[in-house]
C-alpha atoms as a PDB file:
ATOM      1  CA  UNK A   1       0.000   0.000   0.000  1.00  0.00           C
ATOM      2  CA  UNK A   2       1.376   3.415  -0.968  1.00  0.00           C
ATOM      3  CA  UNK A   3      -0.154   6.505   0.566  1.00  0.00           C
ATOM      4  CA  UNK A   4       0.476  10.235   0.641  1.00  0.00           C
ATOM      5  CA  UNK A   5       2.500  11.476   3.612  1.00  0.00           C
ATOM      6  CA  UNK A   6       1.725  15.131   3.047  1.00  0.00           C
ATOM      7  CA  UNK A   7       1.787  16.822   6.432  1.00  0.00           C
ATOM      8  CA  UNK A   8       4.172  14.370   8.150  1.00  0.00           C
ATOM      9  CA  UNK A   9       6.237  16.478  10.544  1.00  0.00           C
ATOM     10  CA  UNK A  10       9.709  15.670  11.844  1.00  0.00           C
ATOM     11  CA  UNK A  11      10.068  16.104  15.604  1.00  0.00           C
ATOM     12  CA  UNK A  12      13.630  15.680  16.852  1.00  0.00           C
ATOM     13  CA  UNK A  13      14.007  14.011  20.244  1.00  0.00           C
ATOM     14  CA  UNK A  14      16.950  15.579  22.110  1.00  0.00           C
ATOM     15  CA  UNK A  15      17.267  13.158  25.029  1.00  0.00           C
ATOM     16  CA  UNK A  16      20.554  11.650  23.853  1.00  0.00           C
ATOM     17  CA  UNK A  17      22.148  15.089  23.471  1.00  0.00           C
ATOM     18  CA  UNK A  18      21.410  15.663  27.155  1.00  0.00           C
ATOM     19  CA  UNK A  19      22.694  12.197  28.046  1.00  0.00           C
ATOM     20  CA  UNK A  20      26.125  13.012  26.600  1.00  0.00           C
ATOM     21  CA  UNK A  21      26.174  16.420  28.306  1.00  0.00           C
ATOM     22  CA  UNK A  22      25.363  14.884  31.673  1.00  0.00           C
ATOM     23  CA  UNK A  23      28.541  12.791  31.693  1.00  0.00           C
ATOM     24  CA  UNK A  24      30.518  15.959  32.545  1.00  0.00           C
ATOM     25  CA  UNK A  25      29.797  19.290  34.247  1.00  0.00           C
ATOM     26  CA  UNK A  26      30.706  21.552  31.326  1.00  0.00           C
ATOM     27  CA  UNK A  27      27.245  22.186  29.896  1.00  0.00           C
ATOM     28  CA  UNK A  28      28.154  20.769  26.480  1.00  0.00           C
ATOM     29  CA  UNK A  29      26.731  19.664  24.163  1.00  0.00           C
ATOM     30  CA  UNK A  30      23.935  22.206  24.547  1.00  0.00           C
ATOM     31  CA  UNK A  31      20.385  20.941  24.167  1.00  0.00           C
ATOM     32  CA  UNK A  32      19.162  24.428  23.263  1.00  0.00           C
ATOM     33  CA  UNK A  33      21.840  24.829  20.593  1.00  0.00           C
ATOM     34  CA  UNK A  34      20.965  21.412  19.169  1.00  0.00           C
ATOM     35  CA  UNK A  35      17.315  22.409  18.951  1.00  0.00           C
ATOM     36  CA  UNK A  36      18.177  25.679  17.205  1.00  0.00           C
ATOM     37  CA  UNK A  37      20.368  23.920  14.632  1.00  0.00           C
ATOM     38  CA  UNK A  38      17.677  21.354  13.837  1.00  0.00           C
ATOM     39  CA  UNK A  39      14.959  23.975  13.558  1.00  0.00           C
ATOM     40  CA  UNK A  40      17.110  26.188  11.353  1.00  0.00           C
ATOM     41  CA  UNK A  41      17.502  23.185   9.041  1.00  0.00           C
ATOM     42  CA  UNK A  42      13.748  22.666   8.793  1.00  0.00           C
ATOM     43  CA  UNK A  43      12.621  20.361  11.613  1.00  0.00           C
ATOM     44  CA  UNK A  44       8.988  21.032  12.512  1.00  0.00           C
ATOM     45  CA  UNK A  45       9.085  19.899  16.127  1.00  0.00           C
ATOM     46  CA  UNK A  46      11.151  19.213  19.229  1.00  0.00           C
ATOM     47  CA  UNK A  47      10.501  16.285  21.565  1.00  0.00           C
ATOM     48  CA  UNK A  48      11.844  15.659  25.068  1.00  0.00           C
ATOM     49  CA  UNK A  49      11.156  12.888  27.552  1.00  0.00           C
ATOM     50  CA  UNK A  50      12.165  14.135  31.026  1.00  0.00           C
ATOM     51  CA  UNK A  51      12.266  11.126  33.337  1.00  0.00           C
ATOM     52  CA  UNK A  52      12.010  11.462  37.125  1.00  0.00           C
ATOM     53  CA  UNK A  53      15.682  10.563  37.633  1.00  0.00           C
ATOM     54  CA  UNK A  54      16.788  13.317  35.186  1.00  0.00           C
ATOM     55  CA  UNK A  55      19.357  10.988  33.661  1.00  0.00           C
ATOM     56  CA  UNK A  56      19.178  12.891  30.385  1.00  0.00           C
ATOM     57  CA  UNK A  57      16.690  15.748  29.873  1.00  0.00           C
ATOM     58  CA  UNK A  58      16.368  17.840  33.039  1.00  0.00           C
ATOM     59  CA  UNK A  59      13.609  20.160  34.194  1.00  0.00           C
ATOM     60  CA  UNK A  60      15.594  23.275  33.287  1.00  0.00           C
ATOM     61  CA  UNK A  61      16.123  21.892  29.766  1.00  0.00           C
ATOM     62  CA  UNK A  62      12.376  21.633  29.307  1.00  0.00           C
ATOM     63  CA  UNK A  63      11.872  25.207  30.499  1.00  0.00           C
ATOM     64  CA  UNK A  64      14.736  26.523  28.356  1.00  0.00           C
ATOM     65  CA  UNK A  65      13.415  24.798  25.247  1.00  0.00           C
ATOM     66  CA  UNK A  66       9.897  26.055  25.888  1.00  0.00           C
ATOM     67  CA  UNK A  67      11.234  29.605  26.150  1.00  0.00           C
ATOM     68  CA  UNK A  68      13.345  29.223  23.001  1.00  0.00           C
ATOM     69  CA  UNK A  69      10.426  27.974  20.933  1.00  0.00           C
ATOM     70  CA  UNK A  70       8.037  30.630  22.231  1.00  0.00           C
ATOM     71  CA  UNK A  71      10.532  33.393  21.423  1.00  0.00           C
ATOM     72  CA  UNK A  72      12.084  32.326  18.131  1.00  0.00           C
ATOM     73  CA  UNK A  73       9.928  29.528  16.689  1.00  0.00           C
ATOM     74  CA  UNK A  74       6.346  30.045  17.888  1.00  0.00           C
ATOM     75  CA  UNK A  75       4.943  27.782  15.171  1.00  0.00           C
ATOM     76  CA  UNK A  76       7.140  24.799  16.059  1.00  0.00           C
ATOM     77  CA  UNK A  77       5.473  21.936  17.878  1.00  0.00           C
ATOM     78  CA  UNK A  78       6.833  21.200  21.370  1.00  0.00           C
ATOM     79  CA  UNK A  79       6.126  17.633  22.452  1.00  0.00           C
ATOM     80  CA  UNK A  80       6.816  16.546  26.033  1.00  0.00           C
ATOM     81  CA  UNK A  81       6.685  12.791  26.619  1.00  0.00           C
ATOM     82  CA  UNK A  82       6.452  10.880  29.849  1.00  0.00           C
ATOM     83  CA  UNK A  83       4.359   8.972  32.312  1.00  0.00           C
ATOM     84  CA  UNK A  84       1.460  11.162  33.510  1.00  0.00           C
ATOM     85  CA  UNK A  85       1.512   9.344  36.852  1.00  0.00           C
ATOM     86  CA  UNK A  86       5.138  10.400  37.456  1.00  0.00           C
ATOM     87  CA  UNK A  87       6.383  13.887  36.547  1.00  0.00           C
ATOM     88  CA  UNK A  88       4.838  14.654  33.138  1.00  0.00           C
ATOM     89  CA  UNK A  89       1.788  16.553  34.365  1.00  0.00           C
ATOM     90  CA  UNK A  90       3.952  19.062  36.271  1.00  0.00           C
ATOM     91  CA  UNK A  91       5.452  20.142  32.926  1.00  0.00           C
ATOM     92  CA  UNK A  92       2.067  20.149  31.221  1.00  0.00           C
ATOM     93  CA  UNK A  93       0.561  22.411  33.878  1.00  0.00           C
ATOM     94  CA  UNK A  94       3.488  24.829  33.949  1.00  0.00           C
ATOM     95  CA  UNK A  95       4.478  25.050  30.276  1.00  0.00           C
ATOM     96  CA  UNK A  96       1.398  23.955  28.309  1.00  0.00           C
ATOM     97  CA  UNK A  97       3.275  22.434  25.365  1.00  0.00           C
ATOM     98  CA  UNK A  98       1.546  21.873  22.050  1.00  0.00           C
ATOM     99  CA  UNK A  99       1.441  18.144  22.745  1.00  0.00           C
ATOM    100  CA  UNK A 100       1.872  15.777  25.671  1.00  0.00           C
ATOM    101  CA  UNK A 101       2.581  12.155  24.822  1.00  0.00           C
ATOM    102  CA  UNK A 102       1.550   9.853  27.653  1.00  0.00           C
ATOM    103  CA  UNK A 103       3.949   6.890  27.903  1.00  0.00           C
ATOM    104  CA  UNK A 104       3.508   3.984  30.368  1.00  0.00           C
ATOM    105  CA  UNK A 105       7.156   3.579  31.353  1.00  0.00           C
ATOM    106  CA  UNK A 106       8.433   2.806  34.831  1.00  0.00           C
ATOM    107  CA  UNK A 107      10.815   5.130  36.663  1.00  0.00           C
ATOM    108  CA  UNK A 108      13.844   2.853  36.192  1.00  0.00           C
ATOM    109  CA  UNK A 109      13.061   1.772  32.630  1.00  0.00           C
ATOM    110  CA  UNK A 110      15.913   2.176  30.136  1.00  0.00           C
ATOM    111  CA  UNK A 111      13.573   3.176  27.314  1.00  0.00           C
ATOM    112  CA  UNK A 112       9.909   2.941  26.420  1.00  0.00           C
ATOM    113  CA  UNK A 113       9.019  -0.607  25.402  1.00  0.00           C
ATOM    114  CA  UNK A 114       5.229  -0.971  25.354  1.00  0.00           C
ATOM    115  CA  UNK A 115       2.024   0.973  24.980  1.00  0.00           C
ATOM    116  CA  UNK A 116      -1.025   1.542  27.156  1.00  0.00           C
ATOM    117  CA  UNK A 117      -3.599  -1.243  27.493  1.00  0.00           C
ATOM    118  CA  UNK A 118      -7.287  -0.691  26.923  1.00  0.00           C
ATOM    119  CA  UNK A 119      -9.721  -0.983  28.571  1.00  0.00           C
ATOM    120  CA  UNK A 120      -7.357  -1.627  31.538  1.00  0.00           C
ATOM    121  CA  UNK A 121      -5.821   1.866  31.657  1.00  0.00           C
ATOM    122  CA  UNK A 122      -8.821   3.853  30.453  1.00  0.00           C
ATOM    123  CA  UNK A 123     -10.329   5.044  33.731  1.00  0.00           C
ATOM    124  CA  UNK A 124      -7.111   6.232  35.342  1.00  0.00           C
ATOM    125  CA  UNK A 125      -5.999   8.012  32.180  1.00  0.00           C
ATOM    126  CA  UNK A 126      -9.297   9.718  31.457  1.00  0.00           C
ATOM    127  CA  UNK A 127      -9.082  12.548  34.070  1.00  0.00           C
ATOM    128  CA  UNK A 128      -5.476  13.373  33.172  1.00  0.00           C
ATOM    129  CA  UNK A 129      -6.286  13.473  29.470  1.00  0.00           C
ATOM    130  CA  UNK A 130      -9.197  15.794  30.239  1.00  0.00           C
ATOM    131  CA  UNK A 131      -6.994  18.046  32.384  1.00  0.00           C
ATOM    132  CA  UNK A 132      -4.314  18.368  29.713  1.00  0.00           C
ATOM    133  CA  UNK A 133      -6.845  19.121  27.006  1.00  0.00           C
ATOM    134  CA  UNK A 134      -8.527  21.730  29.222  1.00  0.00           C
ATOM    135  CA  UNK A 135      -5.124  23.469  29.365  1.00  0.00           C
ATOM    136  CA  UNK A 136      -5.035  23.542  25.565  1.00  0.00           C
ATOM    137  CA  UNK A 137      -2.566  20.663  25.262  1.00  0.00           C
ATOM    138  CA  UNK A 138      -3.074  18.000  22.617  1.00  0.00           C
ATOM    139  CA  UNK A 139      -2.800  14.484  24.079  1.00  0.00           C
ATOM    140  CA  UNK A 140      -1.214  11.550  22.286  1.00  0.00           C
ATOM    141  CA  UNK A 141      -1.121   8.066  23.819  1.00  0.00           C
ATOM    142  CA  UNK A 142       1.825   5.738  23.193  1.00  0.00           C
ATOM    143  CA  UNK A 143       0.245   2.568  21.813  1.00  0.00           C
ATOM    144  CA  UNK A 144       1.196  -0.812  20.424  1.00  0.00           C
ATOM    145  CA  UNK A 145      -0.129  -1.573  16.917  1.00  0.00           C
ATOM    146  CA  UNK A 146      -3.459  -3.053  17.975  1.00  0.00           C
ATOM    147  CA  UNK A 147      -6.386  -1.896  15.822  1.00  0.00           C
ATOM    148  CA  UNK A 148      -9.039  -3.105  18.247  1.00  0.00           C
ATOM    149  CA  UNK A 149      -7.917  -0.650  20.946  1.00  0.00           C
ATOM    150  CA  UNK A 150      -8.373   2.512  18.910  1.00  0.00           C
ATOM    151  CA  UNK A 151     -12.072   3.095  19.634  1.00  0.00           C
ATOM    152  CA  UNK A 152     -11.398   2.832  23.367  1.00  0.00           C
ATOM    153  CA  UNK A 153      -8.483   5.288  23.088  1.00  0.00           C
ATOM    154  CA  UNK A 154     -10.768   7.823  21.456  1.00  0.00           C
ATOM    155  CA  UNK A 155     -13.450   7.226  24.081  1.00  0.00           C
ATOM    156  CA  UNK A 156     -10.880   8.039  26.789  1.00  0.00           C
ATOM    157  CA  UNK A 157     -10.491  11.501  25.249  1.00  0.00           C
ATOM    158  CA  UNK A 158      -7.137  11.333  23.445  1.00  0.00           C
ATOM    159  CA  UNK A 159      -6.460  13.360  20.303  1.00  0.00           C
ATOM    160  CA  UNK A 160      -3.744  11.160  18.822  1.00  0.00           C
ATOM    161  CA  UNK A 161      -1.894   7.886  19.215  1.00  0.00           C
ATOM    162  CA  UNK A 162       1.835   7.459  18.823  1.00  0.00           C
ATOM    163  CA  UNK A 163       2.443   4.037  17.343  1.00  0.00           C
ATOM    164  CA  UNK A 164       5.346   2.300  19.084  1.00  0.00           C
ATOM    165  CA  UNK A 165       7.461   1.269  16.107  1.00  0.00           C
ATOM    166  CA  UNK A 166      10.188  -0.899  17.654  1.00  0.00           C
ATOM    167  CA  UNK A 167       8.325  -3.967  16.413  1.00  0.00           C
ATOM    168  CA  UNK A 168       8.464  -2.646  12.860  1.00  0.00           C
ATOM    169  CA  UNK A 169      12.183  -1.840  13.076  1.00  0.00           C
ATOM    170  CA  UNK A 170      13.014  -5.243  14.565  1.00  0.00           C
ATOM    171  CA  UNK A 171      11.082  -7.106  11.879  1.00  0.00           C
ATOM    172  CA  UNK A 172      12.997  -5.595   8.975  1.00  0.00           C
ATOM    173  CA  UNK A 173      14.720  -8.238   6.875  1.00  0.00           C
ATOM    174  CA  UNK A 174      12.765 -11.103   8.431  1.00  0.00           C
ATOM    175  CA  UNK A 175       9.892 -13.238   7.197  1.00  0.00           C
ATOM    176  CA  UNK A 176       7.578 -11.318   9.536  1.00  0.00           C
ATOM    177  CA  UNK A 177       8.230  -7.910   7.992  1.00  0.00           C
ATOM    178  CA  UNK A 178       5.252  -7.690   5.616  1.00  0.00           C
ATOM    179  CA  UNK A 179       2.782  -8.886   8.235  1.00  0.00           C
ATOM    180  CA  UNK A 180       4.102  -6.517  10.879  1.00  0.00           C
ATOM    181  CA  UNK A 181       3.950  -3.532   8.542  1.00  0.00           C
ATOM    182  CA  UNK A 182       0.410  -4.475   7.523  1.00  0.00           C
ATOM    183  CA  UNK A 183      -0.586  -4.466  11.200  1.00  0.00           C
ATOM    184  CA  UNK A 184       0.726  -0.921  11.624  1.00  0.00           C
ATOM    185  CA  UNK A 185      -1.219   0.190   8.558  1.00  0.00           C
ATOM    186  CA  UNK A 186      -4.395  -1.442   9.877  1.00  0.00           C
ATOM    187  CA  UNK A 187      -3.909   0.245  13.252  1.00  0.00           C
ATOM    188  CA  UNK A 188      -3.456   3.647  11.645  1.00  0.00           C
ATOM    189  CA  UNK A 189      -6.631   3.175   9.605  1.00  0.00           C
ATOM    190  CA  UNK A 190      -8.541   2.046  12.697  1.00  0.00           C
ATOM    191  CA  UNK A 191      -7.287   5.080  14.625  1.00  0.00           C
ATOM    192  CA  UNK A 192      -8.360   7.471  11.903  1.00  0.00           C
ATOM    193  CA  UNK A 193     -11.732   5.781  11.592  1.00  0.00           C
ATOM    194  CA  UNK A 194     -12.206   6.332  15.341  1.00  0.00           C
ATOM    195  CA  UNK A 195     -11.392  10.043  14.969  1.00  0.00           C
ATOM    196  CA  UNK A 196      -7.762   9.940  16.114  1.00  0.00           C
ATOM    197  CA  UNK A 197      -4.673  11.328  14.407  1.00  0.00           C
ATOM    198  CA  UNK A 198      -1.542   9.205  14.168  1.00  0.00           C
ATOM    199  CA  UNK A 199       2.063   9.804  15.226  1.00  0.00           C
ATOM    200  CA  UNK A 200       4.873   7.246  15.224  1.00  0.00           C
ATOM    201  CA  UNK A 201       8.170   6.761  16.978  1.00  0.00           C
ATOM    202  CA  UNK A 202      10.848   4.487  18.418  1.00  0.00           C
ATOM    203  CA  UNK A 203      13.738   3.013  16.431  1.00  0.00           C
ATOM    204  CA  UNK A 204      12.787   4.850  13.262  1.00  0.00           C
ATOM    205  CA  UNK A 205      15.882   5.693  11.240  1.00  0.00           C
ATOM    206  CA  UNK A 206      17.093   6.773   7.819  1.00  0.00           C
ATOM    207  CA  UNK A 207      17.090   3.102   6.830  1.00  0.00           C
ATOM    208  CA  UNK A 208      13.447   2.373   7.612  1.00  0.00           C
ATOM    209  CA  UNK A 209      11.511   5.641   7.776  1.00  0.00           C
ATOM    210  CA  UNK A 210      10.577   5.988   4.106  1.00  0.00           C
ATOM    211  CA  UNK A 211       9.209   2.454   3.841  1.00  0.00           C
ATOM    212  CA  UNK A 212       7.165   2.927   6.990  1.00  0.00           C
ATOM    213  CA  UNK A 213       5.569   6.144   5.764  1.00  0.00           C
ATOM    214  CA  UNK A 214       4.838   4.651   2.346  1.00  0.00           C
ATOM    215  CA  UNK A 215       2.908   1.815   3.943  1.00  0.00           C
ATOM    216  CA  UNK A 216       1.212   3.443   6.940  1.00  0.00           C
ATOM    217  CA  UNK A 217      -1.427   6.013   5.978  1.00  0.00           C
ATOM    218  CA  UNK A 218      -1.811   9.494   7.397  1.00  0.00           C
ATOM    219  CA  UNK A 219       1.107   9.725   9.841  1.00  0.00           C
ATOM    220  CA  UNK A 220       1.101  13.297  11.134  1.00  0.00           C
ATOM    221  CA  UNK A 221       4.394  13.280  13.060  1.00  0.00           C
ATOM    222  CA  UNK A 222       7.433  11.092  13.556  1.00  0.00           C
ATOM    223  CA  UNK A 223       9.540  11.517  16.686  1.00  0.00           C
ATOM    224  CA  UNK A 224      13.137  10.385  16.180  1.00  0.00           C
ATOM    225  CA  UNK A 225      15.910  10.572  18.751  1.00  0.00           C
ATOM    226  CA  UNK A 226      18.488   7.803  19.120  1.00  0.00           C
ATOM    227  CA  UNK A 227      19.088   7.267  15.398  1.00  0.00           C
ATOM    228  CA  UNK A 228      18.971  11.004  14.725  1.00  0.00           C
ATOM    229  CA  UNK A 229      21.602  11.852  17.336  1.00  0.00           C
ATOM    230  CA  UNK A 230      23.750   8.929  16.159  1.00  0.00           C
ATOM    231  CA  UNK A 231      23.610  10.336  12.632  1.00  0.00           C
ATOM    232  CA  UNK A 232      24.312  13.845  13.907  1.00  0.00           C
ATOM    233  CA  UNK A 233      27.593  12.661  15.449  1.00  0.00           C
ATOM    234  CA  UNK A 234      28.758  11.902  11.906  1.00  0.00           C
ATOM    235  CA  UNK A 235      26.812  14.345   9.743  1.00  0.00           C
ATOM    236  CA  UNK A 236      25.986  17.238  12.048  1.00  0.00           C
ATOM    237  CA  UNK A 237      22.592  18.445  13.229  1.00  0.00           C
ATOM    238  CA  UNK A 238      21.663  20.358  10.093  1.00  0.00           C
ATOM    239  CA  UNK A 239      22.655  17.655   7.623  1.00  0.00           C
ATOM    240  CA  UNK A 240      20.883  14.985   9.675  1.00  0.00           C
ATOM    241  CA  UNK A 241      17.731  17.065   9.764  1.00  0.00           C
ATOM    242  CA  UNK A 242      17.826  17.459   5.995  1.00  0.00           C
ATOM    243  CA  UNK A 243      18.389  13.721   5.587  1.00  0.00           C
ATOM    244  CA  UNK A 244      15.303  12.853   7.627  1.00  0.00           C
ATOM    245  CA  UNK A 245      13.245  15.441   5.783  1.00  0.00           C
ATOM    246  CA  UNK A 246      14.427  13.815   2.550  1.00  0.00           C
ATOM    247  CA  UNK A 247      13.280  10.408   3.812  1.00  0.00           C
ATOM    248  CA  UNK A 248       9.856  11.872   4.552  1.00  0.00           C
ATOM    249  CA  UNK A 249       9.667  13.562   1.158  1.00  0.00           C
ATOM    250  CA  UNK A 250      10.659  10.362  -0.647  1.00  0.00           C
ATOM    251  CA  UNK A 251       7.695   8.581   0.901  1.00  0.00           C
ATOM    252  CA  UNK A 252       5.222  10.866  -0.846  1.00  0.00           C
END
């Protein structure tokens, strides 16, 4: 299946820039400078995932980035990810980003590795979704590719889902690849039929992004961090941004 990806935005996740900085006390590399370089090169969004232990993005990074975007790039989408039952809602209430992505990770988890479960998580998420939306913040829920859950996600009040794409990345080059990609496409269609918009993220890279967007309809935003920062170590922030924008354009 080939679909138009018009409107797919690139949001650069800066967590790994902060992780490198935090190994010393010199303040470099700068998360704010990284954001500015990516935005100058055409990125349409910035993503951060401040965890409670502050092992990479810290609270002052989130505030500094919010101020930068409000001052110099007011049209750029600021996406703050995290568990709403940990520290995410504090940032939502204070900074009111364009989007909050609710992720069900534990405090000591190395990286996000699964989505919310419905109907199991619906009732406890519902009031927090409503609070964020009342503050003018769009809410996206981090979800596994399961089409049957999409109606329940919409009923809980979410605006979008972010499809957890590690399964897609891991299936590449295996006999499962076509079936896995078909499941993501079916989930995106089910989400849209339920009235949700679709984001995607986790282990997307220059090697797999174009194929994903060609197959999965209507993806509004991709959030890319680990692969992006790895590429930036070799290519630089600006060139990496242009490379990912090229991958998106090639999918159209």
